N, C-alpha and C. Protein backbone atom coordinates (compact mmCIF):
# COMPACT_ATOMS: atom_id res chain seq x y z
N MET A 1 -51.25 27.50 -65.33
CA MET A 1 -50.71 26.32 -65.96
C MET A 1 -50.78 25.16 -64.96
N ASN A 2 -51.01 23.95 -65.47
CA ASN A 2 -51.18 22.79 -64.61
C ASN A 2 -49.84 22.24 -64.13
N MET A 3 -49.81 21.82 -62.88
CA MET A 3 -48.62 21.23 -62.29
C MET A 3 -48.56 19.75 -62.65
N LEU A 4 -47.37 19.27 -63.10
CA LEU A 4 -47.17 17.85 -63.39
C LEU A 4 -46.65 17.11 -62.16
N TYR A 5 -45.61 17.69 -61.53
CA TYR A 5 -44.96 17.07 -60.38
C TYR A 5 -44.57 18.15 -59.39
N GLN A 6 -44.37 17.74 -58.15
CA GLN A 6 -43.82 18.64 -57.15
C GLN A 6 -42.78 17.87 -56.34
N LEU A 7 -41.60 18.47 -56.22
CA LEU A 7 -40.52 17.90 -55.44
C LEU A 7 -40.13 18.93 -54.40
N GLY A 8 -40.55 18.72 -53.15
CA GLY A 8 -40.34 19.73 -52.12
C GLY A 8 -41.11 20.98 -52.49
N SER A 9 -40.42 22.11 -52.54
CA SER A 9 -41.08 23.37 -52.89
C SER A 9 -41.03 23.65 -54.39
N ILE A 10 -40.38 22.80 -55.17
CA ILE A 10 -40.24 23.01 -56.61
C ILE A 10 -41.39 22.33 -57.34
N GLN A 11 -42.10 23.10 -58.15
CA GLN A 11 -43.20 22.57 -58.95
C GLN A 11 -42.78 22.50 -60.41
N PHE A 12 -43.07 21.37 -61.06
CA PHE A 12 -42.79 21.18 -62.48
C PHE A 12 -44.10 21.28 -63.23
N GLN A 13 -44.11 22.15 -64.22
CA GLN A 13 -45.31 22.34 -65.04
C GLN A 13 -45.00 21.93 -66.47
N VAL A 14 -46.00 22.04 -67.34
CA VAL A 14 -45.81 21.66 -68.74
C VAL A 14 -44.72 22.52 -69.38
N ALA A 15 -44.69 23.79 -69.10
CA ALA A 15 -43.65 24.69 -69.63
C ALA A 15 -43.21 25.58 -68.49
N PRO A 16 -42.01 26.03 -68.42
CA PRO A 16 -40.93 25.94 -69.38
C PRO A 16 -40.04 24.71 -69.21
N VAL A 17 -40.05 24.04 -68.06
CA VAL A 17 -39.27 22.83 -67.87
C VAL A 17 -40.22 21.66 -68.00
N ASN A 18 -40.22 21.01 -69.16
CA ASN A 18 -41.17 19.94 -69.45
C ASN A 18 -40.55 18.60 -69.07
N ILE A 19 -41.09 17.97 -68.02
CA ILE A 19 -40.60 16.67 -67.56
C ILE A 19 -41.25 15.59 -68.41
N ARG A 20 -40.41 14.75 -69.02
CA ARG A 20 -40.91 13.68 -69.88
C ARG A 20 -40.89 12.32 -69.21
N GLN A 21 -39.99 12.15 -68.26
CA GLN A 21 -39.85 10.84 -67.62
C GLN A 21 -39.42 11.00 -66.18
N VAL A 22 -39.97 10.17 -65.31
CA VAL A 22 -39.59 10.13 -63.91
C VAL A 22 -39.30 8.69 -63.55
N SER A 23 -38.16 8.46 -62.90
CA SER A 23 -37.85 7.11 -62.43
C SER A 23 -37.51 7.17 -60.95
N CYS A 24 -37.79 6.09 -60.27
CA CYS A 24 -37.56 6.01 -58.82
C CYS A 24 -36.84 4.70 -58.52
N GLU A 25 -35.76 4.79 -57.77
CA GLU A 25 -35.01 3.61 -57.35
C GLU A 25 -35.10 3.50 -55.83
N THR A 26 -35.48 2.33 -55.37
CA THR A 26 -35.52 2.05 -53.94
C THR A 26 -34.87 0.69 -53.70
N GLY A 27 -34.60 0.38 -52.48
CA GLY A 27 -34.00 -0.92 -52.19
C GLY A 27 -34.01 -1.20 -50.71
N SER A 28 -33.44 -2.34 -50.37
CA SER A 28 -33.32 -2.76 -48.98
C SER A 28 -31.87 -3.13 -48.73
N ASP A 29 -31.46 -3.01 -47.49
CA ASP A 29 -30.08 -3.31 -47.12
C ASP A 29 -30.07 -4.48 -46.14
N PHE A 30 -29.11 -5.39 -46.35
CA PHE A 30 -28.98 -6.57 -45.51
C PHE A 30 -27.54 -6.70 -45.04
N ALA A 31 -27.34 -7.02 -43.79
CA ALA A 31 -26.01 -7.23 -43.24
C ALA A 31 -25.73 -8.73 -43.19
N ALA A 32 -24.52 -9.10 -43.64
CA ALA A 32 -24.12 -10.51 -43.59
C ALA A 32 -23.58 -10.82 -42.19
N MET A 33 -23.97 -11.96 -41.68
CA MET A 33 -23.52 -12.36 -40.34
C MET A 33 -22.55 -13.52 -40.49
N ASP A 34 -21.42 -13.44 -39.77
CA ASP A 34 -20.42 -14.50 -39.83
C ASP A 34 -20.86 -15.70 -39.01
N VAL A 35 -20.84 -16.87 -39.62
CA VAL A 35 -21.13 -18.13 -38.93
C VAL A 35 -20.10 -19.16 -39.39
N MET A 36 -19.93 -20.19 -38.60
CA MET A 36 -18.97 -21.24 -38.97
C MET A 36 -19.71 -22.39 -39.63
N GLY A 37 -19.13 -22.89 -40.71
CA GLY A 37 -19.62 -24.12 -41.32
C GLY A 37 -20.89 -23.99 -42.14
N GLY A 38 -21.19 -22.83 -42.63
CA GLY A 38 -22.39 -22.70 -43.45
C GLY A 38 -22.44 -21.37 -44.17
N PRO A 39 -23.45 -21.19 -44.97
CA PRO A 39 -23.57 -19.91 -45.68
C PRO A 39 -23.86 -18.78 -44.69
N ARG A 40 -23.45 -17.59 -45.06
CA ARG A 40 -23.63 -16.42 -44.18
C ARG A 40 -25.09 -15.94 -44.27
N PRO A 41 -25.84 -16.08 -43.18
CA PRO A 41 -27.21 -15.56 -43.21
C PRO A 41 -27.19 -14.03 -43.25
N ARG A 42 -28.22 -13.47 -43.77
CA ARG A 42 -28.33 -12.02 -43.88
C ARG A 42 -29.50 -11.52 -43.04
N GLU A 43 -29.29 -10.36 -42.44
CA GLU A 43 -30.31 -9.75 -41.59
C GLU A 43 -30.72 -8.41 -42.19
N TYR A 44 -32.02 -8.19 -42.30
CA TYR A 44 -32.55 -6.94 -42.83
C TYR A 44 -32.21 -5.80 -41.88
N VAL A 45 -31.61 -4.73 -42.41
CA VAL A 45 -31.24 -3.60 -41.56
C VAL A 45 -31.93 -2.29 -42.00
N GLY A 46 -32.77 -2.35 -43.01
CA GLY A 46 -33.53 -1.16 -43.38
C GLY A 46 -33.53 -0.87 -44.87
N GLU A 47 -34.23 0.18 -45.19
CA GLU A 47 -34.34 0.60 -46.59
C GLU A 47 -33.12 1.42 -46.99
N THR A 48 -32.76 1.38 -48.26
CA THR A 48 -31.72 2.25 -48.78
C THR A 48 -32.34 3.59 -49.15
N ASP A 49 -31.51 4.55 -49.51
CA ASP A 49 -32.02 5.85 -49.91
C ASP A 49 -32.82 5.74 -51.20
N GLU A 50 -33.86 6.55 -51.29
CA GLU A 50 -34.66 6.60 -52.50
C GLU A 50 -34.02 7.60 -53.46
N ARG A 51 -33.96 7.24 -54.74
CA ARG A 51 -33.36 8.12 -55.74
C ARG A 51 -34.39 8.42 -56.81
N LEU A 52 -34.72 9.70 -56.97
CA LEU A 52 -35.65 10.15 -58.00
C LEU A 52 -34.86 10.79 -59.13
N THR A 53 -35.21 10.45 -60.37
CA THR A 53 -34.57 11.04 -61.53
C THR A 53 -35.64 11.61 -62.43
N PHE A 54 -35.50 12.89 -62.75
CA PHE A 54 -36.42 13.58 -63.65
C PHE A 54 -35.67 13.85 -64.95
N SER A 55 -36.26 13.49 -66.09
CA SER A 55 -35.68 13.79 -67.40
C SER A 55 -36.68 14.63 -68.17
N GLY A 56 -36.17 15.62 -68.90
CA GLY A 56 -37.08 16.47 -69.64
C GLY A 56 -36.34 17.39 -70.59
N ALA A 57 -37.05 18.39 -71.05
CA ALA A 57 -36.50 19.34 -72.01
C ALA A 57 -36.71 20.76 -71.50
N LEU A 58 -35.78 21.61 -71.87
CA LEU A 58 -35.83 23.02 -71.49
C LEU A 58 -35.60 23.84 -72.75
N PHE A 59 -36.46 24.80 -73.01
CA PHE A 59 -36.35 25.67 -74.18
C PHE A 59 -36.30 27.12 -73.72
N PRO A 60 -35.14 27.56 -73.20
CA PRO A 60 -35.08 28.89 -72.59
C PRO A 60 -35.32 30.04 -73.57
N GLN A 61 -34.93 29.88 -74.83
CA GLN A 61 -35.15 30.97 -75.80
C GLN A 61 -36.62 31.14 -76.14
N LYS A 62 -37.38 30.07 -76.07
CA LYS A 62 -38.79 30.13 -76.44
C LYS A 62 -39.71 30.36 -75.25
N PHE A 63 -39.46 29.65 -74.14
CA PHE A 63 -40.38 29.69 -72.99
C PHE A 63 -39.77 30.23 -71.71
N GLY A 64 -38.47 30.50 -71.69
CA GLY A 64 -37.81 30.86 -70.44
C GLY A 64 -37.50 29.60 -69.66
N GLY A 65 -37.37 29.71 -68.37
CA GLY A 65 -37.20 28.52 -67.54
C GLY A 65 -35.85 28.39 -66.86
N LEU A 66 -34.90 29.26 -67.21
CA LEU A 66 -33.61 29.16 -66.54
C LEU A 66 -33.71 29.47 -65.06
N SER A 67 -34.70 30.25 -64.66
CA SER A 67 -34.89 30.53 -63.23
C SER A 67 -35.28 29.26 -62.48
N GLY A 68 -35.97 28.34 -63.14
CA GLY A 68 -36.31 27.06 -62.52
C GLY A 68 -35.09 26.21 -62.26
N ILE A 69 -34.14 26.24 -63.18
CA ILE A 69 -32.89 25.51 -62.99
C ILE A 69 -32.11 26.14 -61.84
N ASP A 70 -32.09 27.47 -61.79
CA ASP A 70 -31.42 28.17 -60.68
C ASP A 70 -32.04 27.79 -59.34
N ALA A 71 -33.37 27.68 -59.30
CA ALA A 71 -34.05 27.31 -58.05
C ALA A 71 -33.67 25.90 -57.63
N LEU A 72 -33.58 24.96 -58.57
CA LEU A 72 -33.18 23.60 -58.24
C LEU A 72 -31.75 23.57 -57.70
N GLN A 73 -30.87 24.33 -58.31
CA GLN A 73 -29.48 24.37 -57.85
C GLN A 73 -29.38 25.00 -56.46
N SER A 74 -30.21 26.00 -56.18
CA SER A 74 -30.21 26.63 -54.85
C SER A 74 -30.64 25.65 -53.77
N VAL A 75 -31.66 24.85 -54.08
CA VAL A 75 -32.13 23.85 -53.11
C VAL A 75 -31.03 22.82 -52.87
N ALA A 76 -30.36 22.39 -53.95
CA ALA A 76 -29.28 21.41 -53.79
C ALA A 76 -28.13 21.96 -52.95
N ARG A 77 -27.77 23.21 -53.19
CA ARG A 77 -26.68 23.83 -52.42
C ARG A 77 -27.05 24.00 -50.95
N ALA A 78 -28.33 24.19 -50.66
CA ALA A 78 -28.77 24.38 -49.28
C ALA A 78 -28.71 23.09 -48.47
N GLY A 79 -28.55 21.97 -49.16
CA GLY A 79 -28.45 20.69 -48.47
C GLY A 79 -29.79 20.18 -47.97
N GLU A 80 -30.87 20.60 -48.59
CA GLU A 80 -32.19 20.10 -48.19
C GLU A 80 -32.44 18.76 -48.87
N PRO A 81 -32.87 17.76 -48.11
CA PRO A 81 -33.14 16.46 -48.72
C PRO A 81 -34.38 16.48 -49.60
């Protein structure tokens, strides 16, 4: 079966966990500096954390796939980024 996405060691395929949408949030962080008599200038201090969101469907009675959810939960519990 063809792989759609891979997140670390977890591979998402067409079945049994079918990913329909992926979104990514990124950003930048700026620190405000105190000055007298004017607006507070901001200094770039780096990127914020990236947040990936996967949305999809799971049909465990038809295709299985609960083991994939267990694998995702195991990775989360292990504290791996």
